[in-house]
Amino acid sequence: MYDVIIAGAGPAGAMLAAELRLHDVRVLILEKETGPLSYDRIVGLHIRSIELMAMRGLLDRMREHGRRRPAGAYFAAIDKPAPAGLDSPYAYLLGIAQPVVVELLSEHATALGARIRRGCPVTGFTQDDDAVTVELADGERLRTRYLVGCDGAHSTVRKLLGVGFPGEPARNYTLMGDLELAVPPGPIADRRVHIRPAGAGVYRIIVPAGAGEHTEPPTLEDFQRQLHAVAGTDFGARSPRWMSRFGDATRLADHYRIGRVLLAGDAAHIHPPLGGQGLNLGLQDAFNLGWKLAARIRGWAPDNLLDTYAAERRPVAAEVLDNTRAQTALVADDPGARAARRLLTKLMDFDEVNRYLLEQITAIGVRYDFGDGPDLLGRRLPDVGHVYERLHRGRGLLLDRTGRLTAGGWSDRVDYVGDPAADLDVPCVLARPDGHVAWIGDDQRDLDRHLARWFGYPAG
């Protein structure tokens, strides 16, 4: 009997496993592929995901394998610098190979005690009041208290669960890859085409591939043909490092949880890659879910805590789907789209507009609805006074500038910090394990009510 079985060993699955293991939850990851990813696709960790890595002590390892790039020019690739004064020391993009992200998170999870079984696709499951019975392709059956589908856009878990996945099917496709070019590219009028250096003689190429169904992996000839069609030359494209094709399908699961089965990452939402939000959104799903599911298993979760996962994360995904729809419209090559893009480009000269769009893409503008209160309530706690170092264990955090409060009977779940280096404009802050501010104030009785709201009954 496991506490949690996770279908899928991608970024969301590995992140979730690590979060659960911080709370001594028995975790098994089942991955249908027999080995790690074979392509070297570069992805970008946005500000909020970089902050999450810092909260768990993983950022130094990520940075060793990544490349820092300036923040900005995220929304529809409109070339505007990041606004000044972002409240994060991590206000940059970290370009890193997706297989490296998966490898580092998997190593982190297994070092904490998670198990990963490869070549073991989930083919069926049934659930009852006490557990889920998971069936593998070879007929083996496993019992677990919870099953989480992190198995991608074509999620078997979601389909078997019978959860609807409404939205728009792919209408247009795009090629993306890293290839050598014999001729350095010059300016290209078509805004849907992006070619930028990615190493010695190697370029990251994004080029439209047209409509129609595509079931086979792309070829070098596909890239050469499409480049020639939009630019009049293929620039001597050769020696691909990796190649992929993606569509502009946009879908959101009707439910994130039914009984003891949950969905996270691409199993719950898919959208075009404009703004580079997909992997980040899945990591943030896992970070939100992990401590809540662990609390349920460890026996101290308030009754509705697990319900807040879908209540908080599904609206965030819906906003991401909308902003990628908007970006898709803005990069289209028709007079209306060009006019709208020119207008937005001018509007982004206003700091408020530029800031709003960047905070939306990088997820540092996310605010969960925790009720009335100061603007900081429900938002991410900034890394004031290196407070993220205090979150490595995945516990709650009480920052007390008054020196009068205590976590009391919740000290097995919440760490106390009376640290004047935490330079906030409020007296005391209660942060959840995911770094979102759950309470602000200076009254012990009010604090106790909010400790119970998020961390259950006190010990003893």
Protein backbone atom coordinates (compact mmCIF):
# COMPACT_ATOMS: atom_id res chain seq x y z
CA MET A 1 0.00 0.00 0.00
CA TYR A 2 1.37 3.39 -1.03
CA ASP A 3 0.14 6.74 0.19
CA VAL A 4 0.35 8.31 -3.27
CA ILE A 5 1.00 6.92 -6.74
CA ILE A 6 1.87 9.49 -9.37
CA ALA A 7 1.39 8.65 -13.05
CA GLY A 8 4.10 10.46 -14.98
CA ALA A 9 7.71 11.29 -14.14
CA GLY A 10 7.83 14.66 -15.89
CA PRO A 11 8.49 17.97 -14.13
CA ALA A 12 5.12 18.12 -12.37
CA GLY A 13 5.24 14.49 -11.24
CA ALA A 14 8.82 14.70 -9.96
CA MET A 15 8.13 18.01 -8.18
CA LEU A 16 5.02 16.59 -6.54
CA ALA A 17 6.86 13.47 -5.38
CA ALA A 18 9.57 15.58 -3.75
CA GLU A 19 7.02 17.78 -2.00
CA LEU A 20 5.23 14.73 -0.60
CA ARG A 21 8.46 13.14 0.61
CA LEU A 22 9.25 16.26 2.66
CA HIS A 23 6.36 15.08 4.82
CA ASP A 24 7.33 11.39 4.88
CA VAL A 25 4.56 10.31 2.50
CA ARG A 26 5.16 6.97 0.75
CA VAL A 27 5.35 7.84 -2.95
CA LEU A 28 5.68 5.79 -6.13
CA ILE A 29 6.01 7.35 -9.58
CA LEU A 30 4.92 5.21 -12.52
CA GLU A 31 6.39 6.33 -15.87
CA LYS A 32 5.38 4.71 -19.13
CA GLU A 33 8.68 5.55 -20.87
CA THR A 34 11.61 3.26 -20.21
CA GLY A 35 14.20 6.04 -20.06
CA PRO A 36 14.57 9.80 -19.73
CA LEU A 37 13.79 12.25 -22.51
CA SER A 38 16.07 11.84 -25.52
CA TYR A 39 15.82 15.43 -26.80
CA ASP A 40 17.47 18.52 -25.39
CA ARG A 41 14.62 21.00 -25.55
CA ILE A 42 15.41 24.26 -23.79
CA VAL A 43 12.69 25.69 -21.57
CA GLY A 44 12.56 28.81 -19.45
CA LEU A 45 11.93 28.91 -15.72
CA HIS A 46 10.05 32.11 -14.97
CA ILE A 47 10.42 34.21 -11.83
CA ARG A 48 7.86 32.35 -9.72
CA SER A 49 9.28 28.93 -10.59
CA ILE A 50 12.79 30.17 -9.80
CA GLU A 51 11.45 31.31 -6.43
CA LEU A 52 10.00 27.85 -5.81
CA MET A 53 13.39 26.30 -6.50
CA ALA A 54 14.93 28.74 -4.02
CA MET A 55 12.32 27.78 -1.41
CA ARG A 56 13.43 24.17 -1.56
CA GLY A 57 17.17 24.72 -1.87
CA LEU A 58 17.29 23.59 -5.50
CA LEU A 59 18.14 26.82 -7.25
CA ASP A 60 21.93 26.56 -7.15
CA ARG A 61 21.77 23.17 -8.89
CA MET A 62 19.39 24.52 -11.51
CA ARG A 63 21.58 27.55 -12.19
CA GLU A 64 24.64 25.36 -12.70
CA HIS A 65 22.91 23.89 -15.75
CA GLY A 66 21.05 26.96 -16.98
CA ARG A 67 21.64 30.34 -18.48
CA ARG A 68 20.27 33.56 -17.05
CA ARG A 69 18.51 35.86 -19.50
CA PRO A 70 16.90 39.26 -18.92
CA ALA A 71 13.25 39.32 -17.97
CA GLY A 72 10.98 40.90 -20.55
CA ALA A 73 9.62 40.43 -24.08
CA TYR A 74 7.45 37.56 -22.86
CA PHE A 75 4.02 38.68 -23.98
CA ALA A 76 3.55 37.85 -27.68
CA ALA A 77 7.32 38.40 -28.03
CA ILE A 78 6.80 42.18 -27.92
CA ASP A 79 10.24 43.61 -27.32
CA LYS A 80 9.88 45.56 -24.09
CA PRO A 81 12.27 45.40 -21.13
CA ALA A 82 11.02 44.30 -17.73
CA PRO A 83 9.59 47.11 -15.58
CA ALA A 84 11.83 48.44 -12.83
CA GLY A 85 11.40 47.51 -9.19
CA LEU A 86 10.14 43.92 -9.40
CA ASP A 87 10.01 42.65 -5.81
CA SER A 88 12.14 39.58 -6.42
CA PRO A 89 15.89 38.94 -6.45
CA TYR A 90 15.13 36.34 -9.12
CA ALA A 91 13.80 38.72 -11.78
CA TYR A 92 15.25 36.89 -14.75
CA LEU A 93 14.54 33.94 -17.04
CA LEU A 94 16.54 30.77 -16.47
CA GLY A 95 16.99 28.92 -19.76
CA ILE A 96 17.60 25.25 -19.07
CA ALA A 97 17.15 21.93 -20.89
CA GLN A 98 13.89 20.25 -19.96
CA PRO A 99 15.55 16.83 -19.46
CA VAL A 100 17.90 18.49 -16.96
CA VAL A 101 14.95 19.92 -15.02
CA VAL A 102 13.37 16.47 -14.91
CA GLU A 103 16.64 14.81 -13.93
CA LEU A 104 17.38 17.25 -11.10
CA LEU A 105 13.85 17.07 -9.71
CA SER A 106 13.85 13.27 -9.97
CA GLU A 107 17.19 13.07 -8.15
CA HIS A 108 15.79 15.37 -5.47
CA ALA A 109 12.67 13.22 -5.08
CA THR A 110 14.55 9.90 -4.94
CA ALA A 111 17.10 11.33 -2.50
CA LEU A 112 14.15 12.10 -0.24
CA GLY A 113 12.89 8.52 -0.61
CA ALA A 114 10.50 8.49 -3.58
CA ARG A 115 10.51 5.47 -5.90
CA ILE A 116 10.34 5.68 -9.70
CA ARG A 117 9.39 2.71 -11.86
CA ARG A 118 9.93 3.20 -15.59
CA GLY A 119 8.27 1.26 -18.38
CA CYS A 120 5.15 0.93 -16.22
CA PRO A 121 2.17 2.64 -17.86
CA VAL A 122 -1.07 2.89 -15.91
CA THR A 123 -3.81 1.10 -17.86
CA GLY A 124 -6.69 1.17 -15.41
CA PHE A 125 -7.82 1.93 -11.90
CA THR A 126 -10.80 1.71 -9.58
CA GLN A 127 -11.40 3.64 -6.39
CA ASP A 128 -13.42 3.02 -3.27
CA ASP A 129 -13.86 4.88 0.00
CA ASP A 130 -10.46 3.83 1.31
CA ALA A 131 -8.04 3.59 -1.60
CA VAL A 132 -7.38 3.36 -5.34
CA THR A 133 -6.43 0.11 -7.07
CA VAL A 134 -4.07 0.89 -9.95
CA GLU A 135 -3.59 -1.60 -12.79
CA LEU A 136 -0.40 -1.74 -14.86
CA ALA A 137 0.08 -2.97 -18.42
CA ASP A 138 1.43 -6.35 -17.25
CA GLY A 139 -1.61 -6.95 -15.06
CA GLU A 140 0.05 -6.02 -11.78
CA ARG A 141 -2.23 -4.26 -9.32
CA LEU A 142 -1.14 -1.74 -6.71
CA ARG A 143 -3.08 -0.12 -3.89
CA THR A 144 -2.68 3.52 -2.96
CA ARG A 145 -4.57 6.02 -0.87
CA TYR A 146 -4.43 8.59 -3.70
CA LEU A 147 -3.59 8.61 -7.40
CA VAL A 148 -2.40 11.76 -9.17
CA GLY A 149 -2.33 11.99 -12.97
CA CYS A 150 0.71 13.98 -14.09
CA ASP A 151 0.78 12.06 -17.36
CA GLY A 152 0.53 14.85 -19.89
CA ALA A 153 -1.87 16.23 -22.45
CA HIS A 154 -3.10 12.78 -23.50
CA SER A 155 -3.48 11.72 -19.86
CA THR A 156 -4.66 8.15 -19.41
CA VAL A 157 -5.68 8.96 -15.84
CA ARG A 158 -7.90 11.83 -16.96
CA LYS A 159 -9.54 9.73 -19.66
CA LEU A 160 -10.15 6.78 -17.34
CA LEU A 161 -11.54 9.16 -14.73
CA GLY A 162 -14.06 10.41 -17.27
CA VAL A 163 -13.17 14.08 -16.79
CA GLY A 164 -14.10 16.35 -19.68
CA PHE A 165 -11.34 18.31 -21.41
CA PRO A 166 -13.23 21.04 -23.26
CA GLY A 167 -11.62 23.76 -25.33
CA GLU A 168 -10.40 24.33 -28.86
CA PRO A 169 -8.62 21.66 -30.91
CA ALA A 170 -5.37 22.47 -32.69
CA ARG A 171 -5.97 24.49 -35.84
CA ASN A 172 -2.41 25.44 -36.69
CA TYR A 173 0.92 23.83 -35.97
CA THR A 174 4.41 25.18 -35.37
CA LEU A 175 7.85 23.63 -35.70
CA MET A 176 10.42 24.23 -32.98
CA GLY A 177 13.97 22.95 -32.75
CA ASP A 178 17.66 23.66 -32.45
CA LEU A 179 19.50 23.30 -35.77
CA GLU A 180 22.75 24.41 -37.33
CA LEU A 181 22.47 27.12 -39.98
CA ALA A 182 25.12 27.53 -42.67
CA VAL A 183 24.03 31.15 -43.29
CA PRO A 184 23.36 33.51 -40.34
CA PRO A 185 19.77 34.71 -40.67
CA GLY A 186 18.84 38.32 -41.27
CA PRO A 187 15.56 40.06 -40.35
CA ILE A 188 12.37 38.16 -41.22
CA ALA A 189 9.14 40.06 -41.72
CA ASP A 190 6.84 37.26 -40.53
CA ARG A 191 6.45 37.70 -36.76
CA ARG A 192 5.54 34.04 -36.34
CA VAL A 193 9.15 33.13 -37.18
CA HIS A 194 11.77 33.36 -34.46
CA ILE A 195 15.42 32.48 -35.03
CA ARG A 196 17.94 33.21 -32.30
CA PRO A 197 21.41 31.89 -31.41
CA ALA A 198 21.50 28.82 -29.18
CA GLY A 199 25.21 27.95 -29.27
CA ALA A 200 28.14 27.87 -31.69
CA GLY A 201 26.50 27.86 -35.11
CA VAL A 202 23.27 26.52 -33.59
CA TYR A 203 19.98 28.41 -33.66
CA ARG A 204 16.63 28.02 -31.94
CA ILE A 205 14.08 28.03 -34.76
CA ILE A 206 10.34 28.54 -34.45
CA VAL A 207 8.47 28.51 -37.74
CA PRO A 208 4.78 27.99 -38.65
CA ALA A 209 3.93 24.57 -40.04
CA GLY A 210 0.39 25.24 -41.26
CA ALA A 211 -2.89 23.46 -40.57
CA GLY A 212 -3.87 19.82 -40.84
CA GLU A 213 -3.34 16.73 -38.77
CA HIS A 214 0.20 15.77 -37.85
CA THR A 215 0.92 12.43 -36.23
CA GLU A 216 4.56 11.81 -37.20
CA PRO A 217 7.60 13.54 -35.67
CA PRO A 218 8.95 16.43 -37.77
CA THR A 219 11.92 15.96 -40.08
CA LEU A 220 14.79 18.17 -41.18
CA GLU A 221 13.06 18.44 -44.56
CA ASP A 222 9.96 19.86 -42.82
CA PHE A 223 12.04 22.66 -41.32
CA GLN A 224 13.82 23.38 -44.60
CA ARG A 225 10.54 23.52 -46.51
CA GLN A 226 8.78 25.80 -44.02
CA LEU A 227 11.75 28.15 -43.69
CA HIS A 228 11.93 28.47 -47.44
CA ALA A 229 8.20 29.17 -47.62
CA VAL A 230 8.28 32.07 -45.12
CA ALA A 231 11.80 33.46 -45.62
CA GLY A 232 12.68 32.48 -49.18
CA THR A 233 15.64 30.40 -47.94
CA ASP A 234 16.30 27.63 -45.48
CA PHE A 235 19.62 29.25 -44.38
CA GLY A 236 21.35 25.92 -44.97
CA ALA A 237 19.54 24.27 -42.05
CA ARG A 238 21.22 21.00 -41.03
CA SER A 239 22.29 18.79 -38.12
CA PRO A 240 19.25 19.16 -35.84
CA ARG A 241 19.87 18.81 -32.10
CA TRP A 242 16.18 18.26 -31.42
CA MET A 243 12.94 18.94 -33.26
CA SER A 244 9.32 19.08 -32.22
CA ARG A 245 5.93 20.07 -33.56
CA PHE A 246 3.17 21.55 -31.44
CA GLY A 247 -0.34 22.72 -32.09
CA ASP A 248 -2.40 25.55 -30.66
CA ALA A 249 -4.94 23.34 -28.86
CA THR A 250 -6.30 24.98 -25.73
CA ARG A 251 -8.12 22.84 -23.17
CA LEU A 252 -8.93 22.86 -19.44
CA ALA A 253 -10.13 19.88 -17.41
CA ASP A 254 -13.63 20.17 -15.99
CA HIS A 255 -12.42 18.87 -12.63
CA TYR A 256 -9.03 18.58 -10.94
CA ARG A 257 -10.21 15.98 -8.46
CA ILE A 258 -12.79 13.23 -8.27
CA GLY A 259 -12.62 11.29 -5.03
CA ARG A 260 -9.11 10.00 -4.47
CA VAL A 261 -7.86 10.77 -7.97
CA LEU A 262 -6.38 14.16 -8.90
CA LEU A 263 -4.87 15.82 -11.98
CA ALA A 264 -1.93 18.21 -12.31
CA GLY A 265 0.21 19.75 -15.03
CA ASP A 266 -0.61 19.11 -18.68
CA ALA A 267 -3.09 16.41 -17.65
CA ALA A 268 -5.26 19.28 -16.39
CA HIS A 269 -4.55 22.00 -18.95
CA ILE A 270 -2.91 22.53 -22.34
CA HIS A 271 -2.31 25.69 -24.34
CA PRO A 272 0.03 27.10 -26.99
CA PRO A 273 3.58 27.69 -25.71
CA LEU A 274 3.51 31.46 -26.23
CA GLY A 275 5.09 33.06 -23.18
CA GLY A 276 6.71 29.77 -22.14
CA GLN A 277 4.22 29.12 -19.33
CA GLY A 278 3.38 25.42 -19.62
CA LEU A 279 6.14 23.74 -17.62
CA ASN A 280 6.02 26.55 -15.06
CA LEU A 281 2.27 26.15 -14.59
CA GLY A 282 2.69 22.41 -13.93
CA LEU A 283 5.48 22.96 -11.38
CA GLN A 284 3.31 25.47 -9.57
CA ASP A 285 0.37 23.02 -9.56
CA ALA A 286 2.58 20.45 -7.85
CA PHE A 287 3.86 22.98 -5.32
CA ASN A 288 0.29 23.91 -4.40
CA LEU A 289 -0.94 20.33 -4.18
CA GLY A 290 1.98 18.63 -2.44
CA TRP A 291 1.67 19.98 1.10
CA LYS A 292 -2.13 19.76 1.04
CA LEU A 293 -2.19 16.12 -0.02
CA ALA A 294 0.53 15.35 2.53
CA ALA A 295 -1.54 17.04 5.24
CA ARG A 296 -4.51 14.86 4.34
CA ILE A 297 -2.41 11.73 4.53
CA ARG A 298 -0.65 12.73 7.76
CA GLY A 299 -4.04 13.33 9.36
CA TRP A 300 -3.93 17.02 10.24
CA ALA A 301 -5.56 18.64 7.19
CA PRO A 302 -8.73 20.67 7.76
CA ASP A 303 -11.73 19.13 6.05
CA ASN A 304 -11.72 21.37 2.97
CA LEU A 305 -7.96 21.85 2.55
CA LEU A 306 -7.62 19.45 -0.39
CA ASP A 307 -10.55 21.16 -2.12
CA THR A 308 -8.57 24.41 -2.20
CA TYR A 309 -6.15 22.86 -4.70
CA ALA A 310 -8.67 23.01 -7.55
CA ALA A 311 -10.28 26.19 -6.21
CA GLU A 312 -6.93 27.98 -6.38
CA ARG A 313 -5.17 26.43 -9.34
CA ARG A 314 -7.94 26.00 -11.90
CA PRO A 315 -8.65 29.75 -12.16
CA VAL A 316 -4.91 30.37 -12.61
CA ALA A 317 -4.85 27.89 -15.50
CA ALA A 318 -7.93 29.51 -17.02
CA GLU A 319 -6.14 32.87 -17.04
CA VAL A 320 -3.07 31.31 -18.67
CA LEU A 321 -5.28 29.81 -21.38
CA ASP A 322 -6.81 33.22 -22.00
CA ASN A 323 -3.50 35.04 -22.22
CA THR A 324 -2.15 32.48 -24.70
CA ARG A 325 -5.32 32.87 -26.77
CA ALA A 326 -4.67 36.62 -26.80
CA GLN A 327 -1.02 36.15 -27.72
CA THR A 328 -1.97 33.77 -30.54
CA ALA A 329 -4.27 36.43 -31.97
CA LEU A 330 -1.56 39.09 -31.67
CA VAL A 331 1.05 37.14 -33.63
CA ALA A 332 -1.30 36.34 -36.52
CA ASP A 333 -0.34 37.88 -39.83
CA ASP A 334 -3.48 39.78 -40.84
CA PRO A 335 -4.31 43.52 -40.77
CA GLY A 336 -6.44 43.34 -37.63
CA ALA A 337 -3.81 41.44 -35.67
CA ARG A 338 -1.08 43.80 -36.85
CA ALA A 339 -3.13 46.81 -35.74
CA ALA A 340 -3.85 45.28 -32.33
CA ARG A 341 -0.17 44.45 -31.88
CA ARG A 342 0.89 48.01 -32.74
CA LEU A 343 -1.61 49.36 -30.20
CA LEU A 344 -0.49 46.99 -27.42
CA THR A 345 3.16 47.77 -28.17
CA LYS A 346 2.43 51.42 -27.47
CA LEU A 347 0.37 50.64 -24.38
CA MET A 348 3.24 48.62 -22.94
CA ASP A 349 5.25 51.84 -22.72
CA PHE A 350 3.03 52.52 -19.70
CA ASP A 351 4.69 50.89 -16.70
CA GLU A 352 1.39 49.61 -15.28
CA VAL A 353 0.52 47.74 -18.49
CA ASN A 354 4.00 46.26 -18.94
CA ARG A 355 4.13 45.24 -15.27
CA TYR A 356 0.70 43.60 -15.35
CA LEU A 357 1.53 41.49 -18.40
CA LEU A 358 4.92 40.42 -17.06
CA GLU A 359 3.47 39.51 -13.66
CA GLN A 360 0.79 37.47 -15.42
CA ILE A 361 3.25 35.53 -17.56
CA THR A 362 5.73 34.90 -14.72
CA ALA A 363 2.99 34.11 -12.14
CA ILE A 364 4.29 36.59 -9.56
CA GLY A 365 0.96 38.39 -9.85
CA VAL A 366 -1.09 35.39 -8.69
CA ARG A 367 -3.31 36.18 -5.71
CA TYR A 368 -5.47 33.46 -4.17
CA ASP A 369 -8.76 34.52 -2.60
CA PHE A 370 -8.25 34.23 1.16
CA GLY A 371 -10.87 36.84 2.00
CA ASP A 372 -10.63 40.52 2.80
CA GLY A 373 -7.32 41.92 3.95
CA PRO A 374 -4.19 43.79 2.89
CA ASP A 375 -3.03 43.43 -0.70
CA LEU A 376 -0.27 41.01 0.37
CA LEU A 377 -2.85 38.50 1.67
CA GLY A 378 -3.08 35.56 -0.74
CA ARG A 379 -0.02 36.66 -2.68
CA ARG A 380 3.47 35.16 -2.70
CA LEU A 381 5.76 36.12 0.14
CA PRO A 382 8.78 38.00 -1.30
CA ASP A 383 12.21 36.69 -0.34
CA VAL A 384 12.75 39.38 2.28
CA GLY A 385 15.73 38.77 4.52
CA HIS A 386 16.47 35.50 2.68
CA VAL A 387 13.32 34.06 4.21
CA TYR A 388 13.08 31.40 1.47
CA GLU A 389 15.94 29.58 3.18
CA ARG A 390 13.49 28.96 6.04
CA LEU A 391 11.11 27.12 3.71
CA HIS A 392 13.43 24.30 2.65
CA ARG A 393 11.56 21.76 4.80
CA GLY A 394 8.19 22.50 3.21
CA ARG A 395 6.54 23.68 6.43
CA GLY A 396 4.49 26.77 7.21
CA LEU A 397 6.27 29.88 8.43
CA LEU A 398 5.34 32.49 11.04
CA LEU A 399 7.30 35.73 10.67
CA ASP A 400 6.83 37.68 13.88
CA ARG A 401 8.24 41.19 14.04
CA THR A 402 6.54 41.88 17.40
CA GLY A 403 8.16 39.04 19.34
CA ARG A 404 4.83 38.39 21.08
CA LEU A 405 3.28 35.61 18.99
CA THR A 406 3.78 31.87 18.85
CA ALA A 407 2.90 28.92 16.61
CA GLY A 408 2.06 27.01 19.80
CA GLY A 409 0.48 23.63 19.17
CA TRP A 410 1.22 23.90 15.47
CA SER A 411 5.01 23.98 15.91
CA ASP A 412 5.26 20.51 14.32
CA ARG A 413 3.92 22.05 11.09
CA VAL A 414 4.87 25.72 11.29
CA ASP A 415 8.30 27.24 11.94
CA TYR A 416 8.61 30.45 13.97
CA VAL A 417 10.93 33.23 12.89
CA GLY A 418 11.33 36.36 14.99
CA ASP A 419 13.63 38.02 12.51
CA PRO A 420 13.94 41.79 12.12
CA ALA A 421 15.67 41.15 8.78
CA ALA A 422 12.24 40.26 7.38
CA ASP A 423 11.55 43.77 6.13
CA LEU A 424 7.78 43.84 5.66
CA ASP A 425 5.31 46.67 6.08
CA VAL A 426 3.12 44.52 8.33
CA PRO A 427 3.71 43.29 11.90
CA CYS A 428 3.42 39.52 11.42
CA VAL A 429 2.86 37.12 8.53
CA LEU A 430 1.78 33.49 8.37
CA ALA A 431 2.99 31.85 5.14
CA ARG A 432 1.84 28.48 3.85
CA PRO A 433 4.41 25.88 2.75
CA ASP A 434 3.96 27.08 -0.85
CA GLY A 435 5.01 30.58 0.16
CA HIS A 436 1.62 32.28 -0.13
CA VAL A 437 0.62 34.64 2.68
CA ALA A 438 -2.26 33.11 4.66
CA TRP A 439 -2.61 35.72 7.45
CA ILE A 440 -1.41 39.19 8.40
CA GLY A 441 -1.84 40.75 11.84
CA ASP A 442 -0.60 40.95 15.41
CA ASP A 443 -3.32 39.26 17.48
CA GLN A 444 -2.63 35.76 18.86
CA ARG A 445 -6.28 34.69 18.97
CA ASP A 446 -6.81 35.71 15.35
CA LEU A 447 -3.58 33.93 14.42
CA ASP A 448 -4.77 30.75 16.13
CA ARG A 449 -7.96 30.78 14.06
CA HIS A 450 -5.97 31.04 10.86
CA LEU A 451 -3.48 28.39 11.96
CA ALA A 452 -6.45 26.07 12.44
CA ARG A 453 -7.87 27.07 9.05
CA TRP A 454 -4.73 26.04 7.18
CA PHE A 455 -2.98 23.58 9.51
CA GLY A 456 -5.83 21.81 11.32
CA TYR A 457 -6.12 21.11 15.02
CA PRO A 458 -3.09 21.79 17.20
CA ALA A 459 -1.03 18.84 18.36
CA GLY A 460 -2.03 17.28 21.65
